[in-house]
């Protein structure tokens, strides 16, 4: 059950005002405009007319201090026509919000500088990052995970993970960097199937202090998560999870996403590109402003003491 004492909910009036503003924005943006002959400074291509994308659009506008022209992927016209409309605007910069949008634009041969957002594991979309592409990953920074881990269990020395190399090699490199930085040992096992993942978790569970669950479709299975939750309690290791649902189920911690902040970060990159910096010189940005989510009952069971100031700043499940 989620604790009400430390949820820090936003005021209802503020939320209602936000929803009203977003609805007004949707009406104002309206259907895709007819192709423009003149050059458009920034075009934002969004996956759908849903609240997360509207919040992201607001964030983009705030971050770049501009009003991007909006094109919607869910418009009932062929994708070829959407691409024609985008090209007809001669955009100087394109913002791609959503995985489907990024995939479409990467295959479109459009060469304008591109900033992506709301994309999980963007490094899986290309073998090497195109020179005209940069953006904000819908992934929490490894630094944030390690900060939470070492705050909650300062003596954690052996960190485990199980991964599919075709999906998560980049994140494993990040985990290697973090464990070297903090003088820890990374206990990593490469797998190619859920069955191999279960066997690897069984093998490493008795010898680790923490397990980092990666956004890897080979590993993210119901039976694997259940097994991790069971072993976390049995061997008292910290399970660093991906979502509030996993924390509610018994993982020790994860993070909230701030969609508007992700859009704002993408808009800030747009501003950098407008200053003349090429996309190839702008490094990947991780999801900004995450809020920690902690399962207090799990903390008690595995012997983790949650500092009072951290508890007050976090979203808690009891």
Protein backbone atom coordinates (compact mmCIF):
# COMPACT_ATOMS: atom_id res chain seq x y z
CA UNK A 1 0.00 0.00 0.00
CA UNK A 2 1.30 3.44 -0.91
CA UNK A 3 1.96 5.72 2.04
CA UNK A 4 0.00 8.95 2.08
CA UNK A 5 2.32 10.68 4.54
CA UNK A 6 5.23 11.17 2.16
CA UNK A 7 3.66 11.05 -1.30
CA UNK A 8 4.02 14.82 -1.70
CA UNK A 9 1.06 15.04 -4.08
CA UNK A 10 0.64 18.11 -6.23
CA UNK A 11 -2.31 20.33 -5.32
CA UNK A 12 -5.49 19.27 -7.08
CA UNK A 13 -6.12 22.76 -8.36
CA UNK A 14 -2.68 22.81 -9.96
CA UNK A 15 -3.29 19.46 -11.61
CA UNK A 16 -6.68 20.59 -12.92
CA UNK A 17 -5.14 23.77 -14.27
CA UNK A 18 -2.42 21.74 -15.97
CA UNK A 19 -4.98 19.47 -17.63
CA UNK A 20 -7.02 22.45 -18.76
CA UNK A 21 -3.94 24.11 -20.21
CA UNK A 22 -2.96 20.94 -22.06
CA UNK A 23 -6.45 20.56 -23.51
CA UNK A 24 -6.29 24.15 -24.68
CA UNK A 25 -2.89 23.42 -26.20
CA UNK A 26 -4.28 20.41 -28.07
CA UNK A 27 -7.07 22.55 -29.53
CA UNK A 28 -4.63 25.28 -30.44
CA UNK A 29 -2.24 22.94 -32.20
CA UNK A 30 -5.13 21.38 -34.10
CA UNK A 31 -4.59 19.19 -37.17
CA UNK A 32 -1.27 19.19 -39.04
CA UNK A 33 -0.91 22.38 -41.02
CA UNK A 34 -0.63 22.38 -44.78
CA UNK A 35 2.94 22.17 -46.02
CA UNK A 36 4.72 25.50 -45.70
CA UNK A 37 7.00 26.84 -48.40
CA UNK A 38 9.21 28.76 -46.01
CA UNK A 39 11.74 27.23 -43.66
CA UNK A 40 10.43 26.23 -40.21
CA UNK A 41 12.95 26.66 -37.41
CA UNK A 42 11.81 23.70 -35.25
CA UNK A 43 9.33 20.89 -36.04
CA UNK A 44 8.20 18.58 -33.23
CA UNK A 45 6.94 15.19 -34.42
CA UNK A 46 4.89 13.54 -31.68
CA UNK A 47 3.65 9.97 -31.48
CA UNK A 48 0.08 10.71 -30.40
CA UNK A 49 -2.38 13.22 -28.98
CA UNK A 50 -2.10 11.80 -25.49
CA UNK A 51 -1.35 13.59 -22.23
CA UNK A 52 2.34 12.50 -22.00
CA UNK A 53 3.09 13.90 -25.46
CA UNK A 54 1.24 17.13 -24.73
CA UNK A 55 3.23 17.52 -21.51
CA UNK A 56 6.42 16.77 -23.44
CA UNK A 57 5.50 19.40 -26.05
CA UNK A 58 5.04 22.00 -23.32
CA UNK A 59 8.43 21.05 -21.94
CA UNK A 60 10.07 21.40 -25.37
CA UNK A 61 8.62 24.91 -25.73
CA UNK A 62 9.88 25.87 -22.27
CA UNK A 63 13.33 24.43 -22.90
CA UNK A 64 13.98 26.09 -26.25
CA UNK A 65 11.98 29.27 -25.63
CA UNK A 66 10.21 28.65 -28.92
CA UNK A 67 6.92 27.30 -30.32
CA UNK A 68 7.75 24.28 -32.51
CA UNK A 69 5.41 23.40 -35.35
CA UNK A 70 3.64 20.15 -34.35
CA UNK A 71 3.18 17.09 -36.56
CA UNK A 72 1.29 14.10 -35.14
CA UNK A 73 2.14 10.51 -36.06
CA UNK A 74 -1.41 9.37 -35.22
CA UNK A 75 -2.92 11.60 -37.94
CA UNK A 76 -5.05 9.45 -40.32
CA UNK A 77 -2.83 9.94 -43.36
CA UNK A 78 -0.11 7.62 -44.73
CA UNK A 79 3.32 7.99 -43.14
CA UNK A 80 4.70 8.87 -46.56
CA UNK A 81 2.43 11.94 -46.56
CA UNK A 82 3.54 12.89 -43.05
CA UNK A 83 7.17 12.73 -44.13
CA UNK A 84 6.35 14.85 -47.18
CA UNK A 85 4.76 17.47 -44.93
CA UNK A 86 7.80 17.49 -42.67
CA UNK A 87 10.19 17.86 -45.61
CA UNK A 88 8.03 20.63 -47.10
CA UNK A 89 8.65 22.73 -44.00
CA UNK A 90 12.44 22.54 -44.53
CA UNK A 91 12.99 22.28 -40.76
CA UNK A 92 16.28 23.42 -39.35
CA UNK A 93 15.79 21.09 -36.33
CA UNK A 94 13.41 18.17 -35.77
CA UNK A 95 12.33 16.93 -32.33
CA UNK A 96 11.24 13.26 -32.41
CA UNK A 97 9.05 12.38 -29.42
CA UNK A 98 8.45 8.65 -29.09
CA UNK A 99 10.07 5.42 -30.28
CA UNK A 100 7.85 5.03 -33.36
CA UNK A 101 8.65 8.58 -34.44
CA UNK A 102 12.39 8.08 -34.03
CA UNK A 103 12.31 4.82 -35.97
CA UNK A 104 10.35 6.43 -38.81
CA UNK A 105 12.60 9.46 -39.06
CA UNK A 106 15.81 7.40 -38.95
CA UNK A 107 14.63 5.50 -42.04
CA UNK A 108 13.38 8.64 -43.83
CA UNK A 109 16.77 9.94 -44.99
CA UNK A 110 15.93 13.36 -43.51
CA UNK A 111 19.27 14.96 -42.72
CA UNK A 112 18.17 17.85 -40.50
CA UNK A 113 19.58 17.85 -36.94
CA UNK A 114 17.33 15.64 -34.81
CA UNK A 115 16.64 15.57 -31.06
CA UNK A 116 14.79 12.54 -29.69
CA UNK A 117 12.83 12.17 -26.45
CA UNK A 118 10.48 9.71 -24.70
CA UNK A 119 12.58 6.89 -26.18
CA UNK A 120 13.64 3.96 -24.00
CA UNK A 121 17.08 2.47 -24.81
CA UNK A 122 17.71 4.79 -27.80
CA UNK A 123 21.14 3.19 -28.40
CA UNK A 124 19.34 0.09 -29.73
CA UNK A 125 18.01 2.10 -32.69
CA UNK A 126 21.37 2.39 -34.46
CA UNK A 127 24.72 0.58 -34.54
CA UNK A 128 26.51 3.91 -34.23
CA UNK A 129 24.78 7.21 -33.52
CA UNK A 130 24.15 9.20 -36.73
CA UNK A 131 26.00 12.51 -36.79
CA UNK A 132 22.74 14.46 -37.02
CA UNK A 133 21.08 12.77 -34.00
CA UNK A 134 21.19 13.42 -30.25
CA UNK A 135 18.61 13.46 -27.49
CA UNK A 136 17.23 12.51 -24.08
CA UNK A 137 16.88 8.83 -23.15
CA UNK A 138 13.80 7.69 -21.25
CA UNK A 139 16.24 5.92 -18.92
CA UNK A 140 17.26 6.91 -15.41
CA UNK A 141 20.95 7.77 -15.17
CA UNK A 142 23.17 5.06 -13.67
CA UNK A 143 24.52 7.77 -11.35
CA UNK A 144 21.03 8.16 -9.86
CA UNK A 145 20.72 4.41 -9.27
CA UNK A 146 24.14 4.25 -7.60
CA UNK A 147 23.44 7.32 -5.49
CA UNK A 148 20.27 5.66 -4.16
CA UNK A 149 22.00 2.31 -3.68
CA UNK A 150 24.91 3.74 -1.69
CA UNK A 151 22.60 5.97 0.35
CA UNK A 152 20.44 3.01 1.33
CA UNK A 153 23.20 0.40 1.57
CA UNK A 154 26.59 2.12 1.84
CA UNK A 155 28.49 -1.16 2.21
CA UNK A 156 27.19 -2.69 -1.06
CA UNK A 157 30.23 -4.24 -2.75
CA UNK A 158 28.94 -6.79 -5.27
CA UNK A 159 26.34 -5.64 -7.81
CA UNK A 160 24.65 -8.18 -10.04
CA UNK A 161 22.86 -7.88 -13.36
CA UNK A 162 21.65 -10.19 -16.12
CA UNK A 163 21.41 -8.89 -19.67
CA UNK A 164 20.94 -9.67 -23.34
CA UNK A 165 24.01 -8.28 -25.19
CA UNK A 166 21.87 -7.38 -28.22
CA UNK A 167 19.86 -4.96 -26.07
CA UNK A 168 21.83 -3.84 -23.04
CA UNK A 169 25.56 -3.82 -23.83
CA UNK A 170 25.64 -0.02 -23.46
CA UNK A 171 24.06 -0.16 -19.98
CA UNK A 172 26.48 -2.89 -18.93
CA UNK A 173 29.36 -0.59 -19.89
CA UNK A 174 27.76 2.08 -17.70
CA UNK A 175 27.47 -0.42 -14.84
CA UNK A 176 31.15 -1.31 -15.24
CA UNK A 177 32.02 2.38 -15.07
CA UNK A 178 29.96 2.87 -11.91
CA UNK A 179 31.34 -0.18 -10.09
CA UNK A 180 34.91 0.83 -10.93
CA UNK A 181 34.23 4.33 -9.65
CA UNK A 182 32.89 3.03 -6.34
CA UNK A 183 35.43 0.18 -5.95
CA UNK A 184 32.76 -2.49 -6.34
CA UNK A 185 32.61 -5.79 -8.17
CA UNK A 186 30.16 -6.20 -11.08
CA UNK A 187 28.71 -9.70 -11.29
CA UNK A 188 27.24 -9.71 -14.82
CA UNK A 189 25.84 -12.62 -16.81
CA UNK A 190 25.02 -12.43 -20.53
CA UNK A 191 21.95 -14.43 -21.60
CA UNK A 192 19.94 -15.00 -24.76
CA UNK A 193 16.65 -16.33 -23.37
CA UNK A 194 14.40 -16.00 -20.29
CA UNK A 195 15.35 -19.53 -19.24
CA UNK A 196 19.04 -18.58 -19.24
CA UNK A 197 18.19 -15.42 -17.30
CA UNK A 198 16.45 -17.42 -14.56
CA UNK A 199 19.41 -19.79 -14.29
CA UNK A 200 21.87 -16.87 -14.10
CA UNK A 201 19.85 -15.14 -11.35
CA UNK A 202 19.76 -18.38 -9.37
CA UNK A 203 23.54 -18.67 -9.73
CA UNK A 204 24.49 -15.14 -8.65
CA UNK A 205 21.84 -14.39 -6.00
CA UNK A 206 23.75 -15.81 -3.00
CA UNK A 207 26.85 -13.71 -3.75
CA UNK A 208 25.51 -10.19 -4.45
CA UNK A 209 24.55 -7.16 -2.34
CA UNK A 210 22.40 -5.54 -5.03
CA UNK A 211 20.82 -6.35 -8.40
CA UNK A 212 20.23 -3.77 -11.14
CA UNK A 213 17.19 -4.73 -13.21
CA UNK A 214 17.73 -3.43 -16.75
CA UNK A 215 15.01 -2.46 -19.29
CA UNK A 216 15.78 -5.59 -21.30
CA UNK A 217 12.90 -7.52 -22.86
CA UNK A 218 14.75 -10.84 -22.53
CA UNK A 219 14.89 -10.33 -18.77
CA UNK A 220 11.70 -8.35 -18.03
CA UNK A 221 9.29 -11.27 -17.62
CA UNK A 222 6.73 -11.88 -14.90
CA UNK A 223 8.32 -15.13 -13.75
CA UNK A 224 11.79 -13.53 -13.63
CA UNK A 225 10.60 -10.56 -11.61
CA UNK A 226 8.80 -12.89 -9.16
CA UNK A 227 11.99 -14.92 -8.77
CA UNK A 228 14.08 -11.77 -8.21
CA UNK A 229 11.64 -10.51 -5.56
CA UNK A 230 11.77 -13.87 -3.77
CA UNK A 231 15.57 -14.02 -3.86
CA UNK A 232 15.92 -10.39 -2.79
CA UNK A 233 14.15 -11.24 0.47
CA UNK A 234 15.85 -14.60 0.86
CA UNK A 235 19.40 -13.30 0.35
CA UNK A 236 18.65 -9.72 1.52
CA UNK A 237 20.05 -7.99 -1.56
CA UNK A 238 18.81 -4.62 -2.83
CA UNK A 239 16.65 -4.91 -5.96
CA UNK A 240 17.00 -1.74 -8.06
CA UNK A 241 13.87 -1.79 -10.20
CA UNK A 242 12.34 0.02 -13.16
CA UNK A 243 8.87 1.13 -12.09
CA UNK A 244 6.57 1.97 -9.21
CA UNK A 245 4.62 -1.26 -9.90
CA UNK A 246 7.77 -3.29 -9.28
CA UNK A 247 8.42 -1.37 -6.05
CA UNK A 248 4.82 -1.95 -4.96
CA UNK A 249 5.40 -5.68 -5.63
CA UNK A 250 8.45 -5.72 -3.33
CA UNK A 251 11.55 -4.26 -5.01
CA UNK A 252 13.39 -1.86 -2.70
CA UNK A 253 13.47 1.18 -4.97
CA UNK A 254 12.96 2.73 -8.38
CA UNK A 255 12.29 6.22 -9.77
CA UNK A 256 9.42 8.30 -11.13
CA UNK A 257 9.63 9.85 -14.59
CA UNK A 258 8.93 13.55 -15.16
CA UNK A 259 7.63 13.73 -18.75
CA UNK A 260 7.55 17.52 -18.90
CA UNK A 261 11.14 17.70 -17.60
CA UNK A 262 12.19 15.26 -20.34
CA UNK A 263 10.58 17.51 -22.93
CA UNK A 264 12.28 20.53 -21.36
CA UNK A 265 15.65 18.76 -21.60
CA UNK A 266 15.03 18.07 -25.29
CA UNK A 267 14.14 21.74 -25.76
CA UNK A 268 17.37 22.77 -24.06
CA UNK A 269 19.27 20.63 -26.57
CA UNK A 270 17.39 22.40 -29.38
CA UNK A 271 18.66 25.69 -27.98
CA UNK A 272 22.23 24.35 -27.98
CA UNK A 273 21.89 23.26 -31.62
CA UNK A 274 20.48 26.68 -32.54
CA UNK A 275 23.69 28.21 -31.20
CA UNK A 276 25.64 26.32 -33.84
CA UNK A 277 26.84 23.23 -31.93
CA UNK A 278 26.48 20.11 -34.15
CA UNK A 279 24.43 17.15 -32.79
CA UNK A 280 27.51 14.92 -32.85
CA UNK A 281 29.06 17.16 -30.16
CA UNK A 282 26.01 16.96 -27.87
CA UNK A 283 26.17 13.86 -25.62
CA UNK A 284 23.25 11.68 -24.62
CA UNK A 285 21.20 13.06 -21.73
CA UNK A 286 19.48 10.83 -19.21
CA UNK A 287 15.97 11.30 -17.86
CA UNK A 288 16.06 14.41 -15.64
CA UNK A 289 14.66 15.14 -12.17
CA UNK A 290 13.76 11.62 -11.06
CA UNK A 291 12.02 11.15 -7.71
CA UNK A 292 12.95 8.13 -5.65
CA UNK A 293 10.30 5.50 -4.85
CA UNK A 294 10.98 3.22 -1.85
CA UNK A 295 9.23 0.15 -0.44
CA UNK A 296 9.56 0.65 3.33
CA UNK A 297 8.36 -2.84 4.20
CA UNK A 298 11.04 -4.37 1.97
CA UNK A 299 13.65 -2.08 3.53
CA UNK A 300 12.75 -3.44 6.95
CA UNK A 301 12.85 -7.05 5.79
CA UNK A 302 16.31 -6.82 4.21
CA UNK A 303 17.82 -4.66 6.95
CA UNK A 304 18.01 -1.30 5.15
CA UNK A 305 17.59 1.88 7.18
CA UNK A 306 16.00 4.71 5.17
CA UNK A 307 17.28 8.14 6.32
CA UNK A 308 14.42 10.36 7.48
CA UNK A 309 15.25 13.21 5.10
CA UNK A 310 15.35 10.79 2.16
CA UNK A 311 12.01 9.29 3.16
CA UNK A 312 10.41 12.74 3.30
CA UNK A 313 11.67 13.56 -0.21
CA UNK A 314 10.61 10.21 -1.69
CA UNK A 315 7.42 8.43 -2.69
CA UNK A 316 6.86 5.56 -0.27
CA UNK A 317 5.10 2.22 -0.26
CA UNK A 318 4.39 0.68 3.15
